[in-house]
Amino acid sequence: MAEFLADIAGMLELFAIAAGLVLLHRAAKDAPARLLKAAGWVLVAGGLVVGLCTSYYWYRYQSRGEFDSGHMGYPGMMYGAGGAMGPVMAGPGMMGPGMHGPGMMTPGGGATPPSGEGR
């Protein structure tokens, strides 16, 4: 997933460079078009600098093995400060009344209905 985000960023950088080149071409046809020239150079230079930055981080993440799996996340997401499941998963919303039945958070299969229902 992260690899595709880098590819999308690369496509946007190519779009910025192409738009800058179009502006520079248009500015060459119009004689006193200093603003178009400036905007064209900003787009071209910005696209190149951001492209170098994206390439650097793309290769850095790829060398660490970040693109080996199809999901995004960080190691502390599930096993962070909240104990075995981290602060996000161990909050009161995940451990509420309906979340403790068999099959929900414990092995055994099947969910238990709330009290008074399904009897």
C-alpha atoms as a PDB file:
ATOM      1  CA  MET A   1       0.000   0.000   0.000  1.00  0.00           C
ATOM      2  CA  ALA A   2       2.763   2.434   0.902  1.00  0.00           C
ATOM      3  CA  GLU A   3       4.504   1.677  -2.378  1.00  0.00           C
ATOM      4  CA  PHE A   4       1.433   2.827  -4.298  1.00  0.00           C
ATOM      5  CA  LEU A   5       1.315   6.063  -2.305  1.00  0.00           C
ATOM      6  CA  ALA A   6       4.882   6.758  -3.389  1.00  0.00           C
ATOM      7  CA  ASP A   7       3.907   6.001  -6.985  1.00  0.00           C
ATOM      8  CA  ILE A   8       0.978   8.423  -6.775  1.00  0.00           C
ATOM      9  CA  ALA A   9       3.279  11.105  -5.376  1.00  0.00           C
ATOM     10  CA  GLY A  10       5.680  10.457  -8.261  1.00  0.00           C
ATOM     11  CA  MET A  11       2.892  10.892 -10.800  1.00  0.00           C
ATOM     12  CA  LEU A  12       1.889  14.204  -9.199  1.00  0.00           C
ATOM     13  CA  GLU A  13       5.503  15.361  -9.404  1.00  0.00           C
ATOM     14  CA  LEU A  14       5.636  14.476 -13.094  1.00  0.00           C
ATOM     15  CA  PHE A  15       2.403  16.409 -13.580  1.00  0.00           C
ATOM     16  CA  ALA A  16       3.934  19.478 -11.887  1.00  0.00           C
ATOM     17  CA  ILE A  17       7.044  19.274 -14.074  1.00  0.00           C
ATOM     18  CA  ALA A  18       4.931  18.887 -17.230  1.00  0.00           C
ATOM     19  CA  ALA A  19       2.723  21.832 -16.243  1.00  0.00           C
ATOM     20  CA  GLY A  20       5.832  23.921 -15.619  1.00  0.00           C
ATOM     21  CA  LEU A  21       7.210  23.042 -19.033  1.00  0.00           C
ATOM     22  CA  VAL A  22       3.898  23.981 -20.654  1.00  0.00           C
ATOM     23  CA  LEU A  23       3.998  27.351 -18.875  1.00  0.00           C
ATOM     24  CA  LEU A  24       7.577  27.925 -19.999  1.00  0.00           C
ATOM     25  CA  HIS A  25       6.616  27.106 -23.586  1.00  0.00           C
ATOM     26  CA  ARG A  26       3.637  29.456 -23.382  1.00  0.00           C
ATOM     27  CA  ALA A  27       5.805  32.196 -21.869  1.00  0.00           C
ATOM     28  CA  ALA A  28       8.256  31.887 -24.775  1.00  0.00           C
ATOM     29  CA  LYS A  29       5.442  32.745 -27.219  1.00  0.00           C
ATOM     30  CA  ASP A  30       4.251  35.783 -25.221  1.00  0.00           C
ATOM     31  CA  ALA A  31       6.998  38.404 -25.080  1.00  0.00           C
ATOM     32  CA  PRO A  32       6.623  40.120 -21.671  1.00  0.00           C
ATOM     33  CA  ALA A  33       5.330  37.047 -19.755  1.00  0.00           C
ATOM     34  CA  ARG A  34       7.636  37.186 -16.746  1.00  0.00           C
ATOM     35  CA  LEU A  35       4.994  35.850 -14.372  1.00  0.00           C
ATOM     36  CA  LEU A  36       4.406  32.782 -16.571  1.00  0.00           C
ATOM     37  CA  LYS A  37       8.164  32.175 -16.717  1.00  0.00           C
ATOM     38  CA  ALA A  38       8.470  32.449 -12.959  1.00  0.00           C
ATOM     39  CA  ALA A  39       5.518  30.112 -12.378  1.00  0.00           C
ATOM     40  CA  GLY A  40       6.930  27.634 -14.894  1.00  0.00           C
ATOM     41  CA  TRP A  41      10.333  27.572 -13.241  1.00  0.00           C
ATOM     42  CA  VAL A  42       8.765  27.209  -9.782  1.00  0.00           C
ATOM     43  CA  LEU A  43       6.740  24.206 -10.980  1.00  0.00           C
ATOM     44  CA  VAL A  44       9.711  22.571 -12.702  1.00  0.00           C
ATOM     45  CA  ALA A  45      12.137  23.159  -9.828  1.00  0.00           C
ATOM     46  CA  GLY A  46       9.567  22.201  -7.195  1.00  0.00           C
ATOM     47  CA  GLY A  47       8.657  19.029  -9.062  1.00  0.00           C
ATOM     48  CA  LEU A  48      12.317  18.028  -9.346  1.00  0.00           C
ATOM     49  CA  VAL A  49      13.136  18.720  -5.684  1.00  0.00           C
ATOM     50  CA  VAL A  50      10.046  16.940  -4.391  1.00  0.00           C
ATOM     51  CA  GLY A  51      10.752  14.088  -6.827  1.00  0.00           C
ATOM     52  CA  LEU A  52      14.237  13.656  -5.389  1.00  0.00           C
ATOM     53  CA  CYS A  53      12.814  13.643  -1.869  1.00  0.00           C
ATOM     54  CA  THR A  54      10.148  11.083  -2.761  1.00  0.00           C
ATOM     55  CA  SER A  55      12.726   8.889  -4.514  1.00  0.00           C
ATOM     56  CA  TYR A  56      15.034   9.020  -1.502  1.00  0.00           C
ATOM     57  CA  TYR A  57      12.322   7.946   0.920  1.00  0.00           C
ATOM     58  CA  TRP A  58      10.924   5.378  -1.534  1.00  0.00           C
ATOM     59  CA  TYR A  59      14.318   3.640  -1.732  1.00  0.00           C
ATOM     60  CA  ARG A  60      14.868   3.998   1.999  1.00  0.00           C
ATOM     61  CA  TYR A  61      11.516   2.362   2.873  1.00  0.00           C
ATOM     62  CA  GLN A  62      12.048  -0.297   0.223  1.00  0.00           C
ATOM     63  CA  SER A  63      15.470  -1.204   1.643  1.00  0.00           C
ATOM     64  CA  ARG A  64      13.950  -1.587   5.130  1.00  0.00           C
ATOM     65  CA  GLY A  65      11.343  -3.996   3.770  1.00  0.00           C
ATOM     66  CA  GLU A  66       8.354  -1.689   4.218  1.00  0.00           C
ATOM     67  CA  PHE A  67       6.906  -2.744   0.861  1.00  0.00           C
ATOM     68  CA  ASP A  68       7.063  -6.491   1.549  1.00  0.00           C
ATOM     69  CA  SER A  69       3.501  -6.640   2.876  1.00  0.00           C
ATOM     70  CA  GLY A  70       0.313  -5.107   1.557  1.00  0.00           C
ATOM     71  CA  HIS A  71      -0.743  -3.310   4.733  1.00  0.00           C
ATOM     72  CA  MET A  72       0.367  -0.106   6.365  1.00  0.00           C
ATOM     73  CA  GLY A  73       1.107   0.270  10.032  1.00  0.00           C
ATOM     74  CA  TYR A  74       3.813   0.695  12.537  1.00  0.00           C
ATOM     75  CA  PRO A  75       5.098  -1.864  15.040  1.00  0.00           C
ATOM     76  CA  GLY A  76       3.704  -0.069  18.095  1.00  0.00           C
ATOM     77  CA  MET A  77       0.179   0.043  16.714  1.00  0.00           C
ATOM     78  CA  MET A  78      -0.986  -3.244  18.243  1.00  0.00           C
ATOM     79  CA  TYR A  79       1.586  -3.648  20.994  1.00  0.00           C
ATOM     80  CA  GLY A  80       2.079  -0.139  22.339  1.00  0.00           C
ATOM     81  CA  ALA A  81       1.738   1.507  25.730  1.00  0.00           C
ATOM     82  CA  GLY A  82      -1.692   0.035  26.504  1.00  0.00           C
ATOM     83  CA  GLY A  83      -0.437  -3.463  27.174  1.00  0.00           C
ATOM     84  CA  ALA A  84      -0.855  -6.493  24.940  1.00  0.00           C
ATOM     85  CA  MET A  85      -3.034  -4.719  22.407  1.00  0.00           C
ATOM     86  CA  GLY A  86      -1.883  -1.101  22.597  1.00  0.00           C
ATOM     87  CA  PRO A  87      -3.758   2.034  23.594  1.00  0.00           C
ATOM     88  CA  VAL A  88      -6.052   2.072  20.570  1.00  0.00           C
ATOM     89  CA  MET A  89      -7.353  -1.471  20.778  1.00  0.00           C
ATOM     90  CA  ALA A  90      -7.549  -1.647  24.571  1.00  0.00           C
ATOM     91  CA  GLY A  91      -9.841   1.358  24.982  1.00  0.00           C
ATOM     92  CA  PRO A  92     -13.307   1.147  26.530  1.00  0.00           C
ATOM     93  CA  GLY A  93     -14.994   1.063  23.115  1.00  0.00           C
ATOM     94  CA  MET A  94     -13.336  -2.229  22.214  1.00  0.00           C
ATOM     95  CA  MET A  95     -13.920  -3.850  25.589  1.00  0.00           C
ATOM     96  CA  GLY A  96     -17.570  -2.840  26.054  1.00  0.00           C
ATOM     97  CA  PRO A  97     -20.489  -5.095  27.039  1.00  0.00           C
ATOM     98  CA  GLY A  98     -21.113  -6.623  23.615  1.00  0.00           C
ATOM     99  CA  MET A  99     -17.485  -7.372  22.859  1.00  0.00           C
ATOM    100  CA  HIS A 100     -16.760 -10.188  25.316  1.00  0.00           C
ATOM    101  CA  GLY A 101     -18.937 -12.983  23.956  1.00  0.00           C
ATOM    102  CA  PRO A 102     -17.624 -16.194  22.435  1.00  0.00           C
ATOM    103  CA  GLY A 103     -16.312 -15.564  18.973  1.00  0.00           C
ATOM    104  CA  MET A 104     -15.865 -11.852  19.548  1.00  0.00           C
ATOM    105  CA  MET A 105     -12.807 -11.568  21.780  1.00  0.00           C
ATOM    106  CA  THR A 106     -12.491 -15.177  22.979  1.00  0.00           C
ATOM    107  CA  PRO A 107     -12.141 -18.464  21.112  1.00  0.00           C
ATOM    108  CA  GLY A 108     -15.170 -20.702  20.954  1.00  0.00           C
ATOM    109  CA  GLY A 109     -17.355 -19.260  18.198  1.00  0.00           C
ATOM    110  CA  GLY A 110     -20.743 -17.583  18.242  1.00  0.00           C
ATOM    111  CA  ALA A 111     -21.711 -14.283  19.776  1.00  0.00           C
ATOM    112  CA  THR A 112     -23.750 -14.023  22.946  1.00  0.00           C
ATOM    113  CA  PRO A 113     -26.905 -11.896  22.631  1.00  0.00           C
ATOM    114  CA  PRO A 114     -27.418  -8.995  25.046  1.00  0.00           C
ATOM    115  CA  SER A 115     -29.307  -9.874  28.229  1.00  0.00           C
ATOM    116  CA  GLY A 116     -33.032 -10.431  27.689  1.00  0.00           C
ATOM    117  CA  GLU A 117     -32.848 -10.925  23.911  1.00  0.00           C
ATOM    118  CA  GLY A 118     -32.863 -14.130  21.925  1.00  0.00           C
ATOM    119  CA  ARG A 119     -34.264 -16.327  24.712  1.00  0.00           C
END
